[in-house]
């Protein structure tokens, strides 16, 4: 009888508000600790997979690494890129843009695809992107993609795109900076290069990119067997208006009218002026679970010196809507 009474008393004590709250608090702490431990184990697993992949690929590509300069023949690539950009007409609807098929020599494109880091190197961040260049990847991937960012985009494409977009960029800047003079150098410089991984359920609503990135480039990194579905949609916007701030500007979808669906095509490049309209991309949730879409995105914008000068020339109310991106953008140059 005594034991039964003791058990009844202990159970009753557990049900008292203070005791119950202390117990629930301990449960919550245990749940939090378990969650943190699970997260730590997952991070450790990712790091282990990355290290094993780096070791394997570095060994497999050791001979290619030794002769990387001969595999990426700069003069031939430069001639091809310049010719591809110059030969592609600039389209104006819904905003100035070009879609270049075969923007890289076929052998170079195969080399770039071969050097693309595997999906495990995208797992460290929520947005699943790999900054170029990056310190975490096989040496072969880092060398090839540093060449893409610094030489192909940073030198070859940079020159060709400045020729192609010079007139429309100046017209665009004049629209918000009427006092723009011919003495201001509006040559654009690349930044923000990154490979982005998109999976089923990805949904990027119609938007315009941050303002100081005057031109956006999207290279479609399709691999063998990839379909051309799930590229980029270009929209005309009814009752379009200037973005209210310098940040990403999401446009009301009912105002968006689809003008072009740019396919996810191997060795193709979309480049557009970030001036009006909108662009977006999505992959249905019910798409094949193993579907992956890789793109290389970069932006071109003015130097910090030019940004400062433009802000000085703008009307004060106009400059106020552009100024909050000044520091971030200027720091890159």
Protein backbone atom coordinates (compact mmCIF):
# COMPACT_ATOMS: atom_id res chain seq x y z
CA UNK A 1 0.00 0.00 0.00
CA UNK A 2 2.87 2.33 0.88
CA UNK A 3 4.59 1.78 -2.46
CA UNK A 4 1.36 2.46 -4.33
CA UNK A 5 0.87 5.70 -2.41
CA UNK A 6 4.46 6.76 -3.14
CA UNK A 7 3.98 6.15 -6.87
CA UNK A 8 0.70 8.06 -6.79
CA UNK A 9 2.39 10.99 -4.99
CA UNK A 10 5.28 11.03 -7.49
CA UNK A 11 2.87 11.02 -10.43
CA UNK A 12 0.84 13.81 -8.90
CA UNK A 13 4.01 15.83 -8.36
CA UNK A 14 4.85 15.49 -12.05
CA UNK A 15 1.47 16.96 -12.93
CA UNK A 16 1.91 20.06 -10.76
CA UNK A 17 2.35 23.17 -12.99
CA UNK A 18 5.86 24.05 -11.81
CA UNK A 19 7.14 20.50 -12.07
CA UNK A 20 5.47 20.01 -15.42
CA UNK A 21 7.01 23.22 -16.79
CA UNK A 22 10.48 22.17 -15.59
CA UNK A 23 10.03 18.80 -17.29
CA UNK A 24 8.85 20.36 -20.53
CA UNK A 25 11.79 22.74 -20.41
CA UNK A 26 14.18 19.80 -20.08
CA UNK A 27 12.46 18.11 -23.03
CA UNK A 28 12.81 21.28 -25.12
CA UNK A 29 16.49 21.51 -24.21
CA UNK A 30 16.97 17.89 -25.18
CA UNK A 31 15.23 18.50 -28.53
CA UNK A 32 17.42 21.53 -29.18
CA UNK A 33 20.57 19.61 -28.29
CA UNK A 34 19.52 16.73 -30.53
CA UNK A 35 18.86 19.13 -33.39
CA UNK A 36 22.28 20.76 -32.96
CA UNK A 37 23.98 17.37 -32.80
CA UNK A 38 22.18 16.22 -35.95
CA UNK A 39 23.22 19.40 -37.73
CA UNK A 40 26.83 18.95 -36.63
CA UNK A 41 26.88 15.33 -37.80
CA UNK A 42 25.41 16.37 -41.16
CA UNK A 43 28.04 19.11 -41.57
CA UNK A 44 30.78 16.61 -40.72
CA UNK A 45 29.40 14.15 -43.27
CA UNK A 46 29.39 16.84 -45.97
CA UNK A 47 32.96 17.85 -45.15
CA UNK A 48 34.07 14.22 -45.25
CA UNK A 49 32.41 13.68 -48.63
CA UNK A 50 34.05 16.86 -49.92
CA UNK A 51 37.52 15.83 -48.76
CA UNK A 52 37.16 12.35 -50.27
CA UNK A 53 35.94 13.85 -53.56
CA UNK A 54 38.84 16.33 -53.63
CA UNK A 55 41.36 13.53 -53.04
CA UNK A 56 39.85 11.33 -55.76
CA UNK A 57 39.47 14.04 -58.41
CA UNK A 58 42.90 15.52 -57.75
CA UNK A 59 44.42 12.11 -58.42
CA UNK A 60 42.30 11.45 -61.51
CA UNK A 61 43.06 14.88 -63.01
CA UNK A 62 46.72 15.14 -61.97
CA UNK A 63 47.99 15.09 -65.57
CA UNK A 64 45.38 17.60 -66.77
CA UNK A 65 46.37 19.93 -63.94
CA UNK A 66 49.99 19.84 -65.08
CA UNK A 67 49.09 20.91 -68.63
CA UNK A 68 46.15 23.20 -67.87
CA UNK A 69 47.56 26.11 -69.90
CA UNK A 70 47.68 24.05 -73.09
CA UNK A 71 44.18 22.67 -72.48
CA UNK A 72 42.72 26.18 -72.17
CA UNK A 73 44.18 27.95 -75.21
CA UNK A 74 43.41 31.58 -74.49
CA UNK A 75 43.90 33.11 -77.95
CA UNK A 76 41.55 30.66 -79.66
CA UNK A 77 38.92 31.13 -76.95
CA UNK A 78 39.21 34.92 -77.20
CA UNK A 79 38.61 34.87 -80.97
CA UNK A 80 35.64 32.54 -80.61
CA UNK A 81 33.96 34.49 -77.79
CA UNK A 82 34.38 37.83 -79.54
CA UNK A 83 33.00 36.43 -82.79
CA UNK A 84 30.03 34.79 -81.06
CA UNK A 85 29.03 37.99 -79.24
CA UNK A 86 29.52 40.24 -82.28
CA UNK A 87 27.48 37.92 -84.51
CA UNK A 88 24.48 37.76 -82.15
CA UNK A 89 21.86 40.48 -82.72
CA UNK A 90 20.78 42.61 -79.78
CA UNK A 91 17.05 42.12 -79.15
CA UNK A 92 15.04 44.85 -77.43
CA UNK A 93 11.81 43.13 -76.35
CA UNK A 94 11.03 42.96 -73.46
CA UNK A 95 14.39 44.63 -72.65
CA UNK A 96 17.80 44.66 -74.37
CA UNK A 97 19.24 41.14 -74.40
CA UNK A 98 21.16 38.57 -76.42
CA UNK A 99 21.02 34.76 -76.40
CA UNK A 100 24.26 33.30 -77.75
CA UNK A 101 24.34 29.68 -78.88
CA UNK A 102 27.82 28.17 -78.79
CA UNK A 103 29.39 31.04 -76.86
CA UNK A 104 32.43 28.90 -76.04
CA UNK A 105 34.45 26.63 -78.35
CA UNK A 106 32.93 23.16 -78.03
CA UNK A 107 36.14 21.68 -76.60
CA UNK A 108 36.34 24.46 -74.00
CA UNK A 109 32.69 23.98 -73.01
CA UNK A 110 33.30 20.24 -72.48
CA UNK A 111 36.33 21.07 -70.36
CA UNK A 112 34.33 23.55 -68.24
CA UNK A 113 31.52 21.02 -67.72
CA UNK A 114 34.06 18.35 -66.81
CA UNK A 115 35.52 20.70 -64.19
CA UNK A 116 32.21 21.65 -62.63
CA UNK A 117 32.28 20.70 -58.92
CA UNK A 118 29.91 17.93 -57.87
CA UNK A 119 26.72 18.65 -55.93
CA UNK A 120 28.36 17.98 -52.54
CA UNK A 121 30.26 21.28 -52.86
CA UNK A 122 26.96 23.16 -53.05
CA UNK A 123 25.63 21.67 -49.82
CA UNK A 124 27.29 24.10 -47.40
CA UNK A 125 24.85 26.93 -48.03
CA UNK A 126 21.09 27.20 -48.14
CA UNK A 127 21.03 28.76 -51.61
CA UNK A 128 23.16 25.97 -53.11
CA UNK A 129 25.70 28.06 -54.97
CA UNK A 130 29.47 27.80 -55.44
CA UNK A 131 31.35 31.09 -55.60
CA UNK A 132 33.93 31.40 -58.36
CA UNK A 133 36.74 31.16 -57.55
CA UNK A 134 36.37 29.07 -54.40
CA UNK A 135 38.89 27.53 -52.03
CA UNK A 136 36.82 24.37 -51.41
CA UNK A 137 36.86 22.06 -54.43
CA UNK A 138 39.25 19.82 -56.34
CA UNK A 139 42.26 21.71 -57.74
CA UNK A 140 41.14 20.95 -61.30
CA UNK A 141 37.74 22.60 -60.69
CA UNK A 142 39.33 25.63 -59.05
CA UNK A 143 41.87 26.12 -61.85
CA UNK A 144 39.41 25.77 -64.73
CA UNK A 145 36.73 27.92 -63.14
CA UNK A 146 39.20 30.59 -62.08
CA UNK A 147 40.13 30.75 -65.77
CA UNK A 148 36.44 31.11 -66.65
CA UNK A 149 35.90 33.92 -64.14
CA UNK A 150 39.17 35.82 -64.54
CA UNK A 151 40.11 35.30 -68.18
CA UNK A 152 36.98 34.37 -70.16
CA UNK A 153 34.44 36.57 -68.33
CA UNK A 154 36.86 39.05 -66.78
CA UNK A 155 38.75 39.82 -70.01
CA UNK A 156 37.30 38.28 -73.18
CA UNK A 157 33.56 38.48 -72.55
CA UNK A 158 33.96 41.76 -70.68
CA UNK A 159 35.36 43.49 -73.77
CA UNK A 160 32.84 41.96 -76.18
CA UNK A 161 29.79 42.71 -74.03
CA UNK A 162 30.86 46.30 -73.44
CA UNK A 163 30.93 46.78 -77.22
CA UNK A 164 27.53 45.13 -77.63
CA UNK A 165 25.70 46.96 -74.82
CA UNK A 166 27.48 50.36 -74.85
CA UNK A 167 24.67 52.33 -76.50
CA UNK A 168 21.78 50.84 -74.53
CA UNK A 169 23.69 51.19 -71.25
CA UNK A 170 24.29 54.89 -71.91
CA UNK A 171 20.63 55.41 -72.84
CA UNK A 172 19.57 53.59 -69.68
CA UNK A 173 21.84 55.62 -67.39
CA UNK A 174 20.66 58.85 -69.05
CA UNK A 175 17.07 57.92 -68.13
CA UNK A 176 17.75 58.27 -64.40
CA UNK A 177 20.75 60.61 -64.60
CA UNK A 178 19.82 63.30 -67.18
CA UNK A 179 23.01 65.27 -66.44
CA UNK A 180 25.19 62.37 -67.65
CA UNK A 181 28.11 63.71 -69.68
CA UNK A 182 30.10 62.13 -72.49
CA UNK A 183 33.19 62.31 -70.30
CA UNK A 184 31.93 59.63 -67.89
CA UNK A 185 33.30 56.17 -68.65
CA UNK A 186 30.41 53.70 -68.45
CA UNK A 187 32.51 50.63 -69.17
CA UNK A 188 31.11 47.81 -67.04
CA UNK A 189 33.18 45.39 -64.96
CA UNK A 190 32.30 41.84 -63.84
CA UNK A 191 31.49 40.72 -60.32
CA UNK A 192 29.38 38.19 -58.39
CA UNK A 193 30.40 35.12 -60.40
CA UNK A 194 28.86 31.93 -59.02
CA UNK A 195 27.56 28.56 -60.14
CA UNK A 196 24.00 28.01 -58.95
CA UNK A 197 22.29 24.64 -58.50
CA UNK A 198 18.53 24.48 -58.99
CA UNK A 199 16.39 21.46 -58.07
CA UNK A 200 12.68 20.50 -58.23
CA UNK A 201 10.60 23.05 -56.32
CA UNK A 202 12.92 25.95 -57.17
CA UNK A 203 10.83 29.05 -57.81
CA UNK A 204 12.40 32.44 -58.53
CA UNK A 205 9.52 34.88 -59.03
CA UNK A 206 9.66 37.60 -61.72
CA UNK A 207 12.11 40.26 -60.58
CA UNK A 208 14.86 42.68 -61.51
CA UNK A 209 18.37 42.30 -60.10
CA UNK A 210 20.03 44.88 -57.79
CA UNK A 211 20.36 48.18 -59.66
CA UNK A 212 24.12 48.62 -59.84
CA UNK A 213 24.41 45.33 -61.67
CA UNK A 214 23.50 46.97 -64.97
CA UNK A 215 23.99 43.78 -67.00
CA UNK A 216 23.35 40.17 -65.94
CA UNK A 217 24.81 37.09 -67.62
CA UNK A 218 23.48 33.53 -67.26
CA UNK A 219 25.47 30.69 -68.83
CA UNK A 220 23.52 27.42 -69.01
CA UNK A 221 25.76 24.57 -67.89
CA UNK A 222 23.79 21.68 -69.36
CA UNK A 223 25.41 18.26 -69.19
CA UNK A 224 24.99 15.37 -71.58
CA UNK A 225 21.44 14.05 -71.34
CA UNK A 226 19.94 17.22 -69.86
CA UNK A 227 16.77 18.45 -71.55
CA UNK A 228 16.31 22.09 -72.54
CA UNK A 229 13.40 22.54 -70.12
CA UNK A 230 13.51 24.91 -67.12
CA UNK A 231 15.58 27.80 -68.45
CA UNK A 232 14.80 31.49 -67.86
CA UNK A 233 11.59 33.41 -68.55
CA UNK A 234 11.67 37.02 -69.76
CA UNK A 235 8.63 39.19 -69.01
CA UNK A 236 7.16 42.45 -70.19
CA UNK A 237 5.59 44.32 -67.26
CA UNK A 238 2.37 46.28 -67.66
CA UNK A 239 2.47 49.71 -66.07
CA UNK A 240 6.18 49.17 -65.50
CA UNK A 241 7.99 51.50 -63.15
CA UNK A 242 11.44 52.11 -61.77
CA UNK A 243 12.45 49.83 -58.92
CA UNK A 244 11.65 51.52 -55.58
CA UNK A 245 15.12 50.77 -54.15
CA UNK A 246 18.50 49.45 -55.24
CA UNK A 247 17.75 45.94 -53.99
CA UNK A 248 16.17 43.02 -55.84
CA UNK A 249 12.77 44.18 -57.06
CA UNK A 250 10.01 41.55 -57.24
CA UNK A 251 7.21 42.46 -59.65
CA UNK A 252 3.54 41.61 -59.15
CA UNK A 253 2.95 38.49 -61.24
CA UNK A 254 -0.46 39.62 -62.65
CA UNK A 255 1.38 42.49 -64.35
CA UNK A 256 3.88 40.17 -66.04
CA UNK A 257 3.43 39.03 -69.63
CA UNK A 258 5.73 36.22 -70.81
CA UNK A 259 7.66 37.28 -73.91
CA UNK A 260 10.38 34.64 -74.20
CA UNK A 261 11.28 31.34 -72.57
CA UNK A 262 15.06 30.97 -72.93
CA UNK A 263 15.87 27.25 -73.03
CA UNK A 264 18.35 25.49 -70.78
CA UNK A 265 20.57 24.75 -73.77
CA UNK A 266 24.12 23.46 -73.60
CA UNK A 267 26.81 26.06 -74.30
CA UNK A 268 24.34 28.96 -74.50
CA UNK A 269 24.53 32.32 -72.76
CA UNK A 270 21.80 34.83 -71.92
CA UNK A 271 22.92 38.41 -71.27
CA UNK A 272 20.45 41.22 -70.56
CA UNK A 273 20.21 44.83 -69.45
CA UNK A 274 18.75 45.02 -65.96
CA UNK A 275 16.62 48.05 -66.81
CA UNK A 276 12.92 47.17 -67.08
CA UNK A 277 10.58 44.20 -67.31
CA UNK A 278 11.43 41.13 -65.24
CA UNK A 279 12.94 37.67 -65.42
CA UNK A 280 12.33 34.50 -63.45
CA UNK A 281 12.90 30.75 -63.34
CA UNK A 282 11.22 27.74 -61.80
CA UNK A 283 11.24 23.94 -61.68
CA UNK A 284 8.01 22.10 -60.73
CA UNK A 285 8.01 20.23 -57.43
CA UNK A 286 6.87 17.07 -59.21
CA UNK A 287 9.84 17.05 -61.61
CA UNK A 288 12.16 14.05 -61.45
CA UNK A 289 13.80 14.01 -57.99
CA UNK A 290 17.28 13.68 -59.49
CA UNK A 291 16.83 16.65 -61.87
CA UNK A 292 19.57 19.28 -61.50
CA UNK A 293 20.04 22.56 -63.33
CA UNK A 294 23.40 24.33 -63.12
CA UNK A 295 23.90 27.90 -64.30
CA UNK A 296 26.85 30.27 -64.07
CA UNK A 297 25.65 33.78 -63.20
CA UNK A 298 27.68 36.97 -63.27
CA UNK A 299 26.92 40.69 -63.34
CA UNK A 300 28.56 43.70 -64.94
CA UNK A 301 28.46 47.13 -63.34
CA UNK A 302 30.25 50.46 -63.08
CA UNK A 303 33.27 51.10 -60.87
CA UNK A 304 32.94 52.69 -57.45
CA UNK A 305 34.37 55.92 -58.81
CA UNK A 306 31.70 56.10 -61.52
CA UNK A 307 28.97 55.23 -59.02
CA UNK A 308 30.02 58.16 -56.84
CA UNK A 309 29.99 60.49 -59.82
CA UNK A 310 26.55 59.36 -60.99
CA UNK A 311 25.10 59.85 -57.52
CA UNK A 312 26.45 63.40 -57.51
CA UNK A 313 24.83 64.13 -60.87
CA UNK A 314 21.41 62.66 -60.07
CA UNK A 315 18.59 64.79 -58.67
CA UNK A 316 18.61 64.38 -54.85
CA UNK A 317 15.36 62.42 -54.69
CA UNK A 318 16.61 60.05 -57.39
CA UNK A 319 20.01 59.61 -55.77
CA UNK A 320 18.35 58.63 -52.49
CA UNK A 321 16.82 55.52 -54.04
CA UNK A 322 20.18 54.46 -55.52
CA UNK A 323 22.56 55.34 -52.69
CA UNK A 324 21.92 52.41 -50.33
CA UNK A 325 23.77 50.00 -52.66
CA UNK A 326 26.72 52.33 -53.16
CA UNK A 327 29.01 50.97 -50.41
CA UNK A 328 28.60 47.28 -51.29
CA UNK A 329 29.10 47.86 -54.98
CA UNK A 330 32.04 50.27 -54.67
CA UNK A 331 33.91 47.91 -52.38
CA UNK A 332 34.37 45.41 -55.20
CA UNK A 333 36.53 47.70 -57.34
